[in-house]
Amino acid sequence: MAKAKETDYEITEGNIFAALGLDNADELLARANLLDQVSTLIKKSELSQQEVAKKLGITQPKVSMLVTGRLSQFSTDTLLHYLSVLGCEVEIRVKKPRAKTGIFRRKGCIAVC
């Protein structure tokens, strides 16, 4: 009988940033989802990276970073702006605590749907 091989990784579901123990995991996941949306739209446009760069008002290397998922290079605000330029309607909804006693009682969450 073969011995089970040990792995150097763990399979996880949900927020990979939380599984890695990173601060602001919700924000990182939301930003990653925004970047994925931008990247997908750029690829679907079938325009060259140079053409996309001109439309977004950025350089071609920045477009390459968007398409290849370089999350650390883009803020949430920047990604929201790009989505708007790409023709998306972006909505932000804030759901407040039900009562004054709920303020600071627990941490909320940030999600991109």
Protein backbone atom coordinates (compact mmCIF):
# COMPACT_ATOMS: atom_id res chain seq x y z
CA MET A 1 0.00 0.00 0.00
CA ALA A 2 1.40 3.40 -0.98
CA LYS A 3 2.06 5.95 1.73
CA ALA A 4 0.02 9.16 1.47
CA LYS A 5 2.14 12.05 0.26
CA GLU A 6 2.33 15.10 2.51
CA THR A 7 1.42 18.39 0.85
CA ASP A 8 2.84 21.85 1.29
CA TYR A 9 -0.51 23.49 0.74
CA GLU A 10 -4.02 23.51 2.11
CA ILE A 11 -7.24 23.62 0.12
CA THR A 12 -9.61 26.27 1.43
CA GLU A 13 -12.97 27.68 0.45
CA GLY A 14 -14.14 31.23 0.85
CA ASN A 15 -11.82 34.17 1.34
CA ILE A 16 -8.24 33.13 0.56
CA PHE A 17 -6.94 36.33 2.13
CA ALA A 18 -8.63 35.45 5.44
CA ALA A 19 -7.24 31.91 5.20
CA LEU A 20 -3.78 33.45 4.85
CA GLY A 21 -4.41 35.53 7.96
CA LEU A 22 -4.04 38.86 6.16
CA ASP A 23 -5.39 42.08 7.65
CA ASN A 24 -8.36 43.58 5.80
CA ALA A 25 -9.17 40.28 4.12
CA ASP A 26 -12.67 41.45 3.11
CA GLU A 27 -11.27 44.54 1.43
CA LEU A 28 -8.61 42.53 -0.39
CA LEU A 29 -11.17 40.04 -1.67
CA ALA A 30 -13.48 42.84 -2.82
CA ARG A 31 -10.60 44.52 -4.65
CA ALA A 32 -9.60 41.20 -6.24
CA ASN A 33 -13.17 40.74 -7.47
CA LEU A 34 -13.18 44.26 -8.93
CA LEU A 35 -9.86 43.58 -10.67
CA ASP A 36 -11.27 40.34 -12.07
CA GLN A 37 -14.25 42.24 -13.50
CA VAL A 38 -11.99 44.85 -15.11
CA SER A 39 -9.69 42.18 -16.53
CA THR A 40 -12.60 40.18 -17.94
CA LEU A 41 -14.10 43.23 -19.63
CA ILE A 42 -10.77 44.22 -21.16
CA LYS A 43 -10.31 40.72 -22.58
CA LYS A 44 -13.88 40.64 -23.93
CA SER A 45 -13.40 44.00 -25.66
CA GLU A 46 -10.97 42.36 -28.10
CA LEU A 47 -9.07 45.65 -28.26
CA SER A 48 -5.29 45.77 -28.12
CA GLN A 49 -3.72 46.72 -24.81
CA GLN A 50 -2.56 49.95 -26.45
CA GLU A 51 -6.15 50.79 -27.48
CA VAL A 52 -7.45 49.97 -23.98
CA ALA A 53 -4.71 52.11 -22.44
CA LYS A 54 -5.76 55.09 -24.54
CA LYS A 55 -9.42 54.70 -23.54
CA LEU A 56 -8.58 54.30 -19.82
CA GLY A 57 -6.01 57.11 -19.89
CA ILE A 58 -3.17 54.88 -18.69
CA THR A 59 -0.06 53.24 -20.15
CA GLN A 60 0.01 49.87 -21.91
CA PRO A 61 2.12 48.32 -19.09
CA LYS A 62 -0.64 49.29 -16.63
CA VAL A 63 -3.19 47.50 -18.84
CA SER A 64 -0.93 44.46 -18.80
CA MET A 65 -0.92 44.60 -14.98
CA LEU A 66 -4.73 44.76 -14.99
CA VAL A 67 -5.04 41.77 -17.30
CA THR A 68 -2.49 39.69 -15.38
CA GLY A 69 -4.06 40.41 -11.99
CA ARG A 70 -1.44 42.59 -10.28
CA LEU A 71 -3.73 43.45 -7.36
CA SER A 72 -1.17 45.47 -5.41
CA GLN A 73 -0.90 48.00 -8.24
CA PHE A 74 -4.50 49.27 -8.09
CA SER A 75 -6.65 50.89 -5.41
CA THR A 76 -10.34 50.20 -5.04
CA ASP A 77 -11.11 53.74 -6.24
CA THR A 78 -9.03 53.25 -9.38
CA LEU A 79 -10.70 49.92 -10.20
CA LEU A 80 -14.15 51.48 -9.69
CA HIS A 81 -13.16 54.30 -12.06
CA TYR A 82 -12.00 51.81 -14.71
CA LEU A 83 -15.27 49.89 -14.41
CA SER A 84 -17.16 53.13 -15.01
CA VAL A 85 -15.05 53.96 -18.08
CA LEU A 86 -15.62 50.41 -19.35
CA GLY A 87 -19.37 51.09 -19.30
CA CYS A 88 -20.39 49.46 -16.02
CA GLU A 89 -22.98 50.87 -13.66
CA VAL A 90 -21.35 50.63 -10.25
CA GLU A 91 -23.54 50.81 -7.15
CA ILE A 92 -22.37 50.98 -3.54
CA ARG A 93 -24.87 50.05 -0.84
CA VAL A 94 -24.33 50.70 2.86
CA LYS A 95 -26.43 48.71 5.32
CA LYS A 96 -26.29 50.41 8.71
CA PRO A 97 -26.59 48.65 12.08
CA ARG A 98 -30.20 48.25 13.15
CA ALA A 99 -29.83 50.21 16.37
CA LYS A 100 -27.44 52.67 17.96
CA THR A 101 -26.22 49.87 20.21
CA GLY A 102 -25.03 47.98 17.12
CA ILE A 103 -22.41 50.60 16.26
CA PHE A 104 -18.92 49.15 16.91
CA ARG A 105 -20.50 45.97 18.34
CA ARG A 106 -19.27 43.80 15.50
CA LYS A 107 -17.27 44.30 12.36
CA GLY A 108 -19.22 44.64 9.15
CA CYS A 109 -18.13 43.22 5.81
CA ILE A 110 -17.25 44.40 2.35
CA ALA A 111 -18.29 42.38 -0.69
CA VAL A 112 -18.48 42.71 -4.45
CA CYS A 113 -21.50 40.99 -5.93
